[in-house]
Amino acid sequence: MTRERKLREVLNLRLDEPLAREIARIAEGQGRSESDVARTLLGYGIEVLRRLEAERLGQPFEWQHEVSAPEDQWPTTVEIEAHRRPMTDEEVDRAGLREFVGGYGDDFEGSIDD
């Protein structure tokens, strides 16, 4: 049973050919529409950006540490690791999936807390 999502907003994007081909390849492999795949990938990108922003906001204010000279600062890169884990009850509820999974994690054998 799939959950029908009500989509209201439209975003018209211009994609370069390699990106469009990759989205089409993923969509075909997963049996999904290209729009659905693009929405999922956009969501992943937003999640990464939010986590990077949260990391930056956790750093001390400039006045709390000595600022190094620009030539002493080493450039950084973003590393992304992906893995699957069971959703928490809060995440299930926030995603509106409770009707599809039933009760709460503690009600099932093999729940996350076991």
PDB file of N, CA and C in Angstrom:
ATOM      1  N   MET A   1       0.849  -1.168   0.000  1.00  0.00           N
ATOM      2  CA  MET A   1       0.000   0.000   0.000  1.00  0.00           C
ATOM      3  C   MET A   1       0.899   1.237   0.000  1.00  0.00           C
ATOM      4  N   THR A   2       0.754   2.106  -0.967  1.00  0.00           N
ATOM      5  CA  THR A   2       1.566   3.320  -1.006  1.00  0.00           C
ATOM      6  C   THR A   2       0.729   4.495  -0.540  1.00  0.00           C
ATOM      7  N   ARG A   3       1.382   5.429   0.082  1.00  0.00           N
ATOM      8  CA  ARG A   3       0.713   6.608   0.609  1.00  0.00           C
ATOM      9  C   ARG A   3       0.686   7.684  -0.466  1.00  0.00           C
ATOM     10  N   GLU A   4      -0.474   8.191  -0.775  1.00  0.00           N
ATOM     11  CA  GLU A   4      -0.627   9.263  -1.766  1.00  0.00           C
ATOM     12  C   GLU A   4      -0.201  10.582  -1.129  1.00  0.00           C
ATOM     13  N   ARG A   5       0.764  11.248  -1.750  1.00  0.00           N
ATOM     14  CA  ARG A   5       1.203  12.557  -1.251  1.00  0.00           C
ATOM     15  C   ARG A   5       0.556  13.635  -2.084  1.00  0.00           C
ATOM     16  N   LYS A   6       0.115  14.673  -1.413  1.00  0.00           N
ATOM     17  CA  LYS A   6      -0.481  15.801  -2.124  1.00  0.00           C
ATOM     18  C   LYS A   6       0.618  16.815  -2.407  1.00  0.00           C
ATOM     19  N   LEU A   7       0.974  16.923  -3.675  1.00  0.00           N
ATOM     20  CA  LEU A   7       2.030  17.839  -4.089  1.00  0.00           C
ATOM     21  C   LEU A   7       1.391  19.114  -4.611  1.00  0.00           C
ATOM     22  N   ARG A   8       1.815  20.246  -4.068  1.00  0.00           N
ATOM     23  CA  ARG A   8       1.192  21.510  -4.434  1.00  0.00           C
ATOM     24  C   ARG A   8       2.130  22.486  -5.131  1.00  0.00           C
ATOM     25  N   GLU A   9       3.400  22.380  -4.860  1.00  0.00           N
ATOM     26  CA  GLU A   9       4.362  23.336  -5.392  1.00  0.00           C
ATOM     27  C   GLU A   9       5.035  22.782  -6.643  1.00  0.00           C
ATOM     28  N   VAL A  10       5.404  23.690  -7.538  1.00  0.00           N
ATOM     29  CA  VAL A  10       6.090  23.305  -8.771  1.00  0.00           C
ATOM     30  C   VAL A  10       7.426  24.036  -8.816  1.00  0.00           C
ATOM     31  N   LEU A  11       8.476  23.307  -9.136  1.00  0.00           N
ATOM     32  CA  LEU A  11       9.801  23.879  -9.310  1.00  0.00           C
ATOM     33  C   LEU A  11      10.298  23.434 -10.678  1.00  0.00           C
ATOM     34  N   ASN A  12      10.511  24.356 -11.555  1.00  0.00           N
ATOM     35  CA  ASN A  12      10.963  24.036 -12.902  1.00  0.00           C
ATOM     36  C   ASN A  12      12.487  24.152 -12.927  1.00  0.00           C
ATOM     37  N   LEU A  13      13.169  23.035 -13.159  1.00  0.00           N
ATOM     38  CA  LEU A  13      14.629  23.008 -13.160  1.00  0.00           C
ATOM     39  C   LEU A  13      15.170  22.711 -14.543  1.00  0.00           C
ATOM     40  N   ARG A  14      16.274  23.328 -14.876  1.00  0.00           N
ATOM     41  CA  ARG A  14      17.008  22.980 -16.087  1.00  0.00           C
ATOM     42  C   ARG A  14      18.174  22.104 -15.652  1.00  0.00           C
ATOM     43  N   LEU A  15      18.274  20.922 -16.238  1.00  0.00           N
ATOM     44  CA  LEU A  15      19.322  19.976 -15.881  1.00  0.00           C
ATOM     45  C   LEU A  15      20.302  19.831 -17.030  1.00  0.00           C
ATOM     46  N   ASP A  16      21.567  19.654 -16.678  1.00  0.00           N
ATOM     47  CA  ASP A  16      22.505  19.342 -17.745  1.00  0.00           C
ATOM     48  C   ASP A  16      22.291  17.873 -18.130  1.00  0.00           C
ATOM     49  N   GLU A  17      22.798  17.507 -19.291  1.00  0.00           N
ATOM     50  CA  GLU A  17      22.530  16.179 -19.836  1.00  0.00           C
ATOM     51  C   GLU A  17      22.999  15.033 -18.932  1.00  0.00           C
ATOM     52  N   PRO A  18      24.216  15.105 -18.354  1.00  0.00           N
ATOM     53  CA  PRO A  18      24.643  13.998 -17.491  1.00  0.00           C
ATOM     54  C   PRO A  18      23.732  13.800 -16.266  1.00  0.00           C
ATOM     55  N   LEU A  19      23.294  14.902 -15.664  1.00  0.00           N
ATOM     56  CA  LEU A  19      22.419  14.797 -14.499  1.00  0.00           C
ATOM     57  C   LEU A  19      21.053  14.226 -14.894  1.00  0.00           C
ATOM     58  N   ALA A  20      20.515  14.675 -16.016  1.00  0.00           N
ATOM     59  CA  ALA A  20      19.233  14.155 -16.493  1.00  0.00           C
ATOM     60  C   ALA A  20      19.326  12.662 -16.800  1.00  0.00           C
ATOM     61  N   ARG A  21      20.439  12.236 -17.409  1.00  0.00           N
ATOM     62  CA  ARG A  21      20.626  10.807 -17.702  1.00  0.00           C
ATOM     63  C   ARG A  21      20.706   9.987 -16.421  1.00  0.00           C
ATOM     64  N   GLU A  22      21.392  10.517 -15.418  1.00  0.00           N
ATOM     65  CA  GLU A  22      21.538   9.782 -14.156  1.00  0.00           C
ATOM     66  C   GLU A  22      20.189   9.651 -13.444  1.00  0.00           C
ATOM     67  N   ILE A  23      19.409  10.696 -13.446  1.00  0.00           N
ATOM     68  CA  ILE A  23      18.075  10.622 -12.839  1.00  0.00           C
ATOM     69  C   ILE A  23      17.210   9.623 -13.598  1.00  0.00           C
ATOM     70  N   ALA A  24      17.275   9.638 -14.911  1.00  0.00           N
ATOM     71  CA  ALA A  24      16.511   8.685 -15.721  1.00  0.00           C
ATOM     72  C   ALA A  24      16.966   7.254 -15.446  1.00  0.00           C
ATOM     73  N   ARG A  25      18.275   7.036 -15.298  1.00  0.00           N
ATOM     74  CA  ARG A  25      18.810   5.708 -15.015  1.00  0.00           C
ATOM     75  C   ARG A  25      18.309   5.192 -13.670  1.00  0.00           C
ATOM     76  N   ILE A  26      18.355   6.055 -12.660  1.00  0.00           N
ATOM     77  CA  ILE A  26      17.891   5.665 -11.328  1.00  0.00           C
ATOM     78  C   ILE A  26      16.398   5.363 -11.361  1.00  0.00           C
ATOM     79  N   ALA A  27      15.637   6.225 -12.023  1.00  0.00           N
ATOM     80  CA  ALA A  27      14.183   6.035 -12.102  1.00  0.00           C
ATOM     81  C   ALA A  27      13.834   4.713 -12.765  1.00  0.00           C
ATOM     82  N   GLU A  28      14.504   4.401 -13.856  1.00  0.00           N
ATOM     83  CA  GLU A  28      14.239   3.152 -14.561  1.00  0.00           C
ATOM     84  C   GLU A  28      14.590   1.951 -13.688  1.00  0.00           C
ATOM     85  N   GLY A  29      15.714   2.025 -13.022  1.00  0.00           N
ATOM     86  CA  GLY A  29      16.158   0.926 -12.172  1.00  0.00           C
ATOM     87  C   GLY A  29      15.249   0.691 -10.972  1.00  0.00           C
ATOM     88  N   GLN A  30      14.618   1.743 -10.486  1.00  0.00           N
ATOM     89  CA  GLN A  30      13.741   1.629  -9.318  1.00  0.00           C
ATOM     90  C   GLN A  30      12.267   1.532  -9.693  1.00  0.00           C
ATOM     91  N   GLY A  31      11.961   1.650 -10.993  1.00  0.00           N
ATOM     92  CA  GLY A  31      10.569   1.602 -11.413  1.00  0.00           C
ATOM     93  C   GLY A  31       9.756   2.775 -10.904  1.00  0.00           C
ATOM     94  N   ARG A  32      10.386   3.930 -10.822  1.00  0.00           N
ATOM     95  CA  ARG A  32       9.723   5.145 -10.328  1.00  0.00           C
ATOM     96  C   ARG A  32       9.793   6.212 -11.408  1.00  0.00           C
ATOM     97  N   SER A  33       9.029   7.263 -11.231  1.00  0.00           N
ATOM     98  CA  SER A  33       9.082   8.367 -12.189  1.00  0.00           C
ATOM     99  C   SER A  33      10.341   9.202 -11.944  1.00  0.00           C
ATOM    100  N   GLU A  34      10.778   9.884 -12.972  1.00  0.00           N
ATOM    101  CA  GLU A  34      11.946  10.753 -12.838  1.00  0.00           C
ATOM    102  C   GLU A  34      11.671  11.874 -11.844  1.00  0.00           C
ATOM    103  N   SER A  35      10.445  12.391 -11.837  1.00  0.00           N
ATOM    104  CA  SER A  35      10.087  13.451 -10.887  1.00  0.00           C
ATOM    105  C   SER A  35      10.194  12.954  -9.453  1.00  0.00           C
ATOM    106  N   ASP A  36       9.710  11.735  -9.204  1.00  0.00           N
ATOM    107  CA  ASP A  36       9.763  11.174  -7.857  1.00  0.00           C
ATOM    108  C   ASP A  36      11.210  10.974  -7.418  1.00  0.00           C
ATOM    109  N   VAL A  37      12.039  10.460  -8.308  1.00  0.00           N
ATOM    110  CA  VAL A  37      13.459  10.272  -7.991  1.00  0.00           C
ATOM    111  C   VAL A  37      14.119  11.621  -7.723  1.00  0.00           C
ATOM    112  N   ALA A  38      13.840  12.611  -8.536  1.00  0.00           N
ATOM    113  CA  ALA A  38      14.441  13.942  -8.348  1.00  0.00           C
ATOM    114  C   ALA A  38      14.018  14.533  -7.003  1.00  0.00           C
ATOM    115  N   ARG A  39      12.746  14.355  -6.611  1.00  0.00           N
ATOM    116  CA  ARG A  39      12.282  14.834  -5.297  1.00  0.00           C
ATOM    117  C   ARG A  39      13.062  14.161  -4.174  1.00  0.00           C
ATOM    118  N   THR A  40      13.258  12.852  -4.278  1.00  0.00           N
ATOM    119  CA  THR A  40      13.995  12.115  -3.255  1.00  0.00           C
ATOM    120  C   THR A  40      15.429  12.622  -3.161  1.00  0.00           C
ATOM    121  N   LEU A  41      16.085  12.760  -4.307  1.00  0.00           N
ATOM    122  CA  LEU A  41      17.475  13.220  -4.309  1.00  0.00           C
ATOM    123  C   LEU A  41      17.601  14.644  -3.783  1.00  0.00           C
ATOM    124  N   LEU A  42      16.662  15.499  -4.114  1.00  0.00           N
ATOM    125  CA  LEU A  42      16.653  16.868  -3.604  1.00  0.00           C
ATOM    126  C   LEU A  42      16.499  16.855  -2.082  1.00  0.00           C
ATOM    127  N   GLY A  43      15.640  15.976  -1.593  1.00  0.00           N
ATOM    128  CA  GLY A  43      15.476  15.838  -0.141  1.00  0.00           C
ATOM    129  C   GLY A  43      16.755  15.403   0.547  1.00  0.00           C
ATOM    130  N   TYR A  44      17.490  14.455  -0.070  1.00  0.00           N
ATOM    131  CA  TYR A  44      18.774  14.026   0.489  1.00  0.00           C
ATOM    132  C   TYR A  44      19.746  15.200   0.550  1.00  0.00           C
ATOM    133  N   GLY A  45      19.780  15.992  -0.510  1.00  0.00           N
ATOM    134  CA  GLY A  45      20.682  17.142  -0.543  1.00  0.00           C
ATOM    135  C   GLY A  45      20.341  18.161   0.527  1.00  0.00           C
ATOM    136  N   ILE A  46      19.054  18.382   0.756  1.00  0.00           N
ATOM    137  CA  ILE A  46      18.628  19.321   1.797  1.00  0.00           C
ATOM    138  C   ILE A  46      19.043  18.809   3.166  1.00  0.00           C
ATOM    139  N   GLU A  47      18.895  17.500   3.387  1.00  0.00           N
ATOM    140  CA  GLU A  47      19.308  16.908   4.665  1.00  0.00           C
ATOM    141  C   GLU A  47      20.804  17.103   4.897  1.00  0.00           C
ATOM    142  N   VAL A  48      21.615  16.903   3.874  1.00  0.00           N
ATOM    143  CA  VAL A  48      23.066  17.107   4.001  1.00  0.00           C
ATOM    144  C   VAL A  48      23.355  18.566   4.352  1.00  0.00           C
ATOM    145  N   LEU A  49      22.731  19.500   3.643  1.00  0.00           N
ATOM    146  CA  LEU A  49      22.961  20.918   3.907  1.00  0.00           C
ATOM    147  C   LEU A  49      22.560  21.285   5.331  1.00  0.00           C
ATOM    148  N   ARG A  50      21.420  20.784   5.805  1.00  0.00           N
ATOM    149  CA  ARG A  50      20.986  21.076   7.177  1.00  0.00           C
ATOM    150  C   ARG A  50      22.006  20.577   8.191  1.00  0.00           C
ATOM    151  N   ARG A  51      22.540  19.385   7.958  1.00  0.00           N
ATOM    152  CA  ARG A  51      23.525  18.849   8.900  1.00  0.00           C
ATOM    153  C   ARG A  51      24.821  19.662   8.880  1.00  0.00           C
ATOM    154  N   LEU A  52      25.230  20.127   7.698  1.00  0.00           N
ATOM    155  CA  LEU A  52      26.429  20.963   7.620  1.00  0.00           C
ATOM    156  C   LEU A  52      26.198  22.299   8.326  1.00  0.00           C
ATOM    157  N   GLU A  53      25.005  22.862   8.162  1.00  0.00           N
ATOM    158  CA  GLU A  53      24.675  24.116   8.851  1.00  0.00           C
ATOM    159  C   GLU A  53      24.678  23.913  10.362  1.00  0.00           C
ATOM    160  N   ALA A  54      24.105  22.796  10.825  1.00  0.00           N
ATOM    161  CA  ALA A  54      24.082  22.510  12.257  1.00  0.00           C
ATOM    162  C   ALA A  54      25.496  22.354  12.801  1.00  0.00           C
ATOM    163  N   GLU A  55      26.358  21.703  12.037  1.00  0.00           N
ATOM    164  CA  GLU A  55      27.754  21.545  12.452  1.00  0.00           C
ATOM    165  C   GLU A  55      28.425  22.912  12.570  1.00  0.00           C
ATOM    166  N   ARG A  56      28.188  23.765  11.586  1.00  0.00           N
ATOM    167  CA  ARG A  56      28.795  25.103  11.597  1.00  0.00           C
ATOM    168  C   ARG A  56      28.278  25.918  12.783  1.00  0.00           C
ATOM    169  N   LEU A  57      26.978  25.803  13.071  1.00  0.00           N
ATOM    170  CA  LEU A  57      26.405  26.563  14.181  1.00  0.00           C
ATOM    171  C   LEU A  57      26.910  26.072  15.530  1.00  0.00           C
ATOM    172  N   GLY A  58      27.420  24.845  15.588  1.00  0.00           N
ATOM    173  CA  GLY A  58      27.973  24.308  16.822  1.00  0.00           C
ATOM    174  C   GLY A  58      29.388  24.763  17.105  1.00  0.00           C
ATOM    175  N   GLN A  59      29.995  25.457  16.164  1.00  0.00           N
ATOM    176  CA  GLN A  59      31.354  25.947  16.359  1.00  0.00           C
ATOM    177  C   GLN A  59      31.328  27.189  17.249  1.00  0.00           C
ATOM    178  N   PRO A  60      32.406  27.445  17.979  1.00  0.00           N
ATOM    179  CA  PRO A  60      32.432  28.612  18.882  1.00  0.00           C
ATOM    180  C   PRO A  60      32.415  29.925  18.103  1.00  0.00           C
ATOM    181  N   PHE A  61      31.954  30.967  18.784  1.00  0.00           N
ATOM    182  CA  PHE A  61      32.004  32.299  18.174  1.00  0.00           C
ATOM    183  C   PHE A  61      33.454  32.682  17.923  1.00  0.00           C
ATOM    184  N   GLU A  62      33.680  33.542  16.944  1.00  0.00           N
ATOM    185  CA  GLU A  62      35.046  33.959  16.591  1.00  0.00           C
ATOM    186  C   GLU A  62      35.796  34.514  17.803  1.00  0.00           C
ATOM    187  N   TRP A  63      35.128  35.243  18.667  1.00  0.00           N
ATOM    188  CA  TRP A  63      35.815  35.851  19.807  1.00  0.00           C
ATOM    189  C   TRP A  63      36.229  34.822  20.851  1.00  0.00           C
ATOM    190  N   GLN A  64      35.744  33.589  20.715  1.00  0.00           N
ATOM    191  CA  GLN A  64      36.069  32.557  21.690  1.00  0.00           C
ATOM    192  C   GLN A  64      37.358  31.804  21.354  1.00  0.00           C
ATOM    193  N   HIS A  65      37.883  32.006  20.189  1.00  0.00           N
ATOM    194  CA  HIS A  65      39.137  31.344  19.854  1.00  0.00           C
ATOM    195  C   HIS A  65      39.963  32.254  18.965  1.00  0.00           C
ATOM    196  N   GLU A  66      41.222  31.987  18.966  1.00  0.00           N
ATOM    197  CA  GLU A  66      42.140  32.788  18.171  1.00  0.00           C
ATOM    198  C   GLU A  66      41.949  32.462  16.686  1.00  0.00           C
ATOM    199  N   VAL A  67      41.786  33.483  15.882  1.00  0.00           N
ATOM    200  CA  VAL A  67      41.575  33.293  14.450  1.00  0.00           C
ATOM    201  C   VAL A  67      42.924  33.152  13.768  1.00  0.00           C
ATOM    202  N   SER A  68      43.079  32.095  13.007  1.00  0.00           N
ATOM    203  CA  SER A  68      44.345  31.892  12.307  1.00  0.00           C
ATOM    204  C   SER A  68      44.366  32.707  11.014  1.00  0.00           C
ATOM    205  N   ALA A  69      45.552  32.933  10.526  1.00  0.00           N
ATOM    206  CA  ALA A  69      45.709  33.671   9.276  1.00  0.00           C
ATOM    207  C   ALA A  69      45.145  32.835   8.131  1.00  0.00           C
ATOM    208  N   PRO A  70      44.586  33.480   7.101  1.00  0.00           N
ATOM    209  CA  PRO A  70      44.000  32.738   5.977  1.00  0.00           C
ATOM    210  C   PRO A  70      44.954  31.724   5.354  1.00  0.00           C
ATOM    211  N   GLU A  71      46.244  32.036   5.303  1.00  0.00           N
ATOM    212  CA  GLU A  71      47.189  31.097   4.699  1.00  0.00           C
ATOM    213  C   GLU A  71      47.419  29.865   5.580  1.00  0.00           C
ATOM    214  N   ASP A  72      47.022  29.933   6.864  1.00  0.00           N
ATOM    215  CA  ASP A  72      47.159  28.793   7.769  1.00  0.00           C
ATOM    216  C   ASP A  72      45.919  27.894   7.781  1.00  0.00           C
ATOM    217  N   GLN A  73      44.862  28.315   7.140  1.00  0.00           N
ATOM    218  CA  GLN A  73      43.635  27.528   7.131  1.00  0.00           C
ATOM    219  C   GLN A  73      43.674  26.542   5.971  1.00  0.00           C
ATOM    220  N   TRP A  74      43.425  25.296   6.263  1.00  0.00           N
ATOM    221  CA  TRP A  74      43.442  24.256   5.242  1.00  0.00           C
ATOM    222  C   TRP A  74      42.037  24.082   4.697  1.00  0.00           C
ATOM    223  N   PRO A  75      41.877  23.965   3.379  1.00  0.00           N
ATOM    224  CA  PRO A  75      40.528  23.784   2.825  1.00  0.00           C
ATOM    225  C   PRO A  75      39.932  22.444   3.273  1.00  0.00           C
ATOM    226  N   THR A  76      38.614  22.402   3.317  1.00  0.00           N
ATOM    227  CA  THR A  76      37.922  21.179   3.730  1.00  0.00           C
ATOM    228  C   THR A  76      37.050  20.667   2.593  1.00  0.00           C
ATOM    229  N   THR A  77      36.617  19.428   2.732  1.00  0.00           N
ATOM    230  CA  THR A  77      35.700  18.826   1.781  1.00  0.00           C
ATOM    231  C   THR A  77      34.604  18.127   2.573  1.00  0.00           C
ATOM    232  N   VAL A  78      33.506  17.828   1.934  1.00  0.00           N
ATOM    233  CA  VAL A  78      32.391  17.156   2.590  1.00  0.00           C
ATOM    234  C   VAL A  78      32.463  15.671   2.273  1.00  0.00           C
ATOM    235  N   GLU A  79      32.408  14.843   3.300  1.00  0.00           N
ATOM    236  CA  GLU A  79      32.332  13.396   3.130  1.00  0.00           C
ATOM    237  C   GLU A  79      30.929  12.963   3.516  1.00  0.00           C
ATOM    238  N   ILE A  80      30.309  12.160   2.678  1.00  0.00           N
ATOM    239  CA  ILE A  80      28.955  11.702   2.939  1.00  0.00           C
ATOM    240  C   ILE A  80      28.965  10.193   3.082  1.00  0.00           C
ATOM    241  N   GLU A  81      28.444   9.707   4.201  1.00  0.00           N
ATOM    242  CA  GLU A  81      28.274   8.277   4.417  1.00  0.00           C
ATOM    243  C   GLU A  81      26.778   8.012   4.515  1.00  0.00           C
ATOM    244  N   ALA A  82      26.330   6.953   3.908  1.00  0.00           N
ATOM    245  CA  ALA A  82      24.910   6.611   3.970  1.00  0.00           C
ATOM    246  C   ALA A  82      24.753   5.202   4.495  1.00  0.00           C
ATOM    247  N   HIS A  83      23.825   5.029   5.389  1.00  0.00           N
ATOM    248  CA  HIS A  83      23.467   3.707   5.882  1.00  0.00           C
ATOM    249  C   HIS A  83      22.012   3.741   6.318  1.00  0.00           C
ATOM    250  N   ARG A  84      21.397   2.588   6.390  1.00  0.00           N
ATOM    251  CA  ARG A  84      20.002   2.499   6.798  1.00  0.00           C
ATOM    252  C   ARG A  84      19.924   2.094   8.265  1.00  0.00           C
ATOM    253  N   ARG A  85      18.923   2.642   8.941  1.00  0.00           N
ATOM    254  CA  ARG A  85      18.620   2.269  10.314  1.00  0.00           C
ATOM    255  C   ARG A  85      17.113   2.342  10.480  1.00  0.00           C
ATOM    256  N   PRO A  86      16.573   1.632  11.442  1.00  0.00           N
ATOM    257  CA  PRO A  86      15.141   1.725  11.663  1.00  0.00           C
ATOM    258  C   PRO A  86      14.764   3.142  12.099  1.00  0.00           C
ATOM    259  N   MET A  87      13.618   3.606  11.656  1.00  0.00           N
ATOM    260  CA  MET A  87      13.144   4.923  12.062  1.00  0.00           C
ATOM    261  C   MET A  87      12.695   4.867  13.522  1.00  0.00           C
ATOM    262  N   THR A  88      12.859   5.976  14.239  1.00  0.00           N
ATOM    263  CA  THR A  88      12.327   6.064  15.593  1.00  0.00           C
ATOM    264  C   THR A  88      10.816   6.267  15.492  1.00  0.00           C
ATOM    265  N   ASP A  89      10.121   6.039  16.596  1.00  0.00           N
ATOM    266  CA  ASP A  89       8.670   6.259  16.599  1.00  0.00           C
ATOM    267  C   ASP A  89       8.341   7.705  16.217  1.00  0.00           C
ATOM    268  N   GLU A  90       9.131   8.644  16.709  1.00  0.00           N
ATOM    269  CA  GLU A  90       8.910  10.058  16.388  1.00  0.00           C
ATOM    270  C   GLU A  90       9.065  10.305  14.884  1.00  0.00           C
ATOM    271  N   GLU A  91      10.079   9.703  14.268  1.00  0.00           N
ATOM    272  CA  GLU A  91      10.292   9.860  12.825  1.00  0.00           C
ATOM    273  C   GLU A  91       9.155   9.237  12.026  1.00  0.00           C
ATOM    274  N   VAL A  92       8.665   8.068  12.474  1.00  0.00           N
ATOM    275  CA  VAL A  92       7.535   7.417  11.797  1.00  0.00           C
ATOM    276  C   VAL A  92       6.312   8.327  11.852  1.00  0.00           C
ATOM    277  N   ASP A  93       6.038   8.882  13.031  1.00  0.00           N
ATOM    278  CA  ASP A  93       4.880   9.766  13.178  1.00  0.00           C
ATOM    279  C   ASP A  93       5.037  11.041  12.352  1.00  0.00           C
ATOM    280  N   ARG A  94       6.229  11.637  12.388  1.00  0.00           N
ATOM    281  CA  ARG A  94       6.480  12.876  11.638  1.00  0.00           C
ATOM    282  C   ARG A  94       6.334  12.663  10.132  1.00  0.00           C
ATOM    283  N   ALA A  95       6.710  11.464   9.660  1.00  0.00           N
ATOM    284  CA  ALA A  95       6.606  11.144   8.229  1.00  0.00           C
ATOM    285  C   ALA A  95       5.203  10.695   7.842  1.00  0.00           C
ATOM    286  N   GLY A  96       4.299  10.582   8.835  1.00  0.00           N
ATOM    287  CA  GLY A  96       2.927  10.178   8.541  1.00  0.00           C
ATOM    288  C   GLY A  96       2.815   8.709   8.148  1.00  0.00           C
ATOM    289  N   LEU A  97       3.682   7.863   8.687  1.00  0.00           N
ATOM    290  CA  LEU A  97       3.706   6.455   8.305  1.00  0.00           C
ATOM    291  C   LEU A  97       3.078   5.528   9.349  1.00  0.00           C
ATOM    292  N   ARG A  98       2.540   6.081  10.433  1.00  0.00           N
ATOM    293  CA  ARG A  98       2.022   5.254  11.520  1.00  0.00           C
ATOM    294  C   ARG A  98       0.947   4.286  11.028  1.00  0.00           C
ATOM    295  N   GLU A  99       0.054   4.737  10.155  1.00  0.00           N
ATOM    296  CA  GLU A  99      -1.021   3.863   9.680  1.00  0.00           C
ATOM    297  C   GLU A  99      -0.485   2.661   8.901  1.00  0.00           C
ATOM    298  N   PHE A 100       0.723   2.767   8.370  1.00  0.00           N
ATOM    299  CA  PHE A 100       1.296   1.682   7.580  1.00  0.00           C
ATOM    300  C   PHE A 100       2.099   0.697   8.420  1.00  0.00           C
ATOM    301  N   VAL A 101       2.600   1.152   9.579  1.00  0.00           N
ATOM    302  CA  VAL A 101       3.428   0.270  10.398  1.00  0.00           C
ATOM    303  C   VAL A 101       2.741  -0.174  11.679  1.00  0.00           C
ATOM    304  N   GLY A 102       1.613   0.403  12.000  1.00  0.00           N
ATOM    305  CA  GLY A 102       0.866  -0.024  13.180  1.00  0.00           C
ATOM    306  C   GLY A 102       1.357   0.630  14.453  1.00  0.00           C
ATOM    307  N   GLY A 103       1.417  -0.188  15.535  1.00  0.00           N
ATOM    308  CA  GLY A 103       1.729   0.306  16.878  1.00  0.00           C
ATOM    309  C   GLY A 103       3.088   0.939  16.996  1.00  0.00           C
ATOM    310  N   TYR A 104       3.558   1.003  18.217  1.00  0.00           N
ATOM    311  CA  TYR A 104       4.833   1.642  18.492  1.00  0.00           C
ATOM    312  C   TYR A 104       5.933   0.609  18.664  1.00  0.00           C
ATOM    313  N   GLY A 105       7.169   1.001  18.467  1.00  0.00           N
ATOM    314  CA  GLY A 105       8.318   0.109  18.467  1.00  0.00           C
ATOM    315  C   GLY A 105       8.378  -0.835  19.653  1.00  0.00           C
ATOM    316  N   ASP A 106       7.990  -0.362  20.846  1.00  0.00           N
ATOM    317  CA  ASP A 106       8.045  -1.201  22.031  1.00  0.00           C
ATOM    318  C   ASP A 106       7.026  -2.333  21.979  1.00  0.00           C
ATOM    319  N   ASP A 107       6.017  -2.221  21.096  1.00  0.00           N
ATOM    320  CA  ASP A 107       4.956  -3.223  20.994  1.00  0.00           C
ATOM    321  C   ASP A 107       5.369  -4.428  20.170  1.00  0.00           C
ATOM    322  N   PHE A 108       6.511  -4.378  19.498  1.00  0.00           N
ATOM    323  CA  PHE A 108       6.907  -5.428  18.576  1.00  0.00           C
ATOM    324  C   PHE A 108       8.117  -6.179  19.081  1.00  0.00           C
ATOM    325  N   GLU A 109       8.160  -7.477  18.760  1.00  0.00           N
ATOM    326  CA  GLU A 109       9.390  -8.233  19.026  1.00  0.00           C
ATOM    327  C   GLU A 109      10.467  -7.702  18.103  1.00  0.00           C
ATOM    328  N   GLY A 110      11.689  -7.646  18.607  1.00  0.00           N
ATOM    329  CA  GLY A 110      12.791  -7.190  17.773  1.00  0.00           C
ATOM    330  C   GLY A 110      12.779  -5.689  17.561  1.00  0.00           C
ATOM    331  N   SER A 111      12.165  -4.942  18.475  1.00  0.00           N
ATOM    332  CA  SER A 111      12.131  -3.493  18.324  1.00  0.00           C
ATOM    333  C   SER A 111      13.532  -2.921  18.473  1.00  0.00           C
ATOM    334  N   ILE A 112      13.681  -1.684  18.183  1.00  0.00           N
ATOM    335  CA  ILE A 112      14.985  -1.018  18.199  1.00  0.00           C
ATOM    336  C   ILE A 112      15.636  -1.111  19.582  1.00  0.00           C
ATOM    337  N   ASP A 113      14.825  -1.095  20.647  1.00  0.00           N
ATOM    338  CA  ASP A 113      15.365  -1.074  21.998  1.00  0.00           C
ATOM    339  C   ASP A 113      15.772  -2.451  22.507  1.00  0.00           C
ATOM    340  N   ASP A 114      15.498  -3.540  21.745  1.00  0.00           N
ATOM    341  CA  ASP A 114      15.846  -4.887  22.215  1.00  0.00           C
ATOM    342  C   ASP A 114      17.332  -5.115  22.179  1.00  0.00           C
TER     343      ASP A 114
END
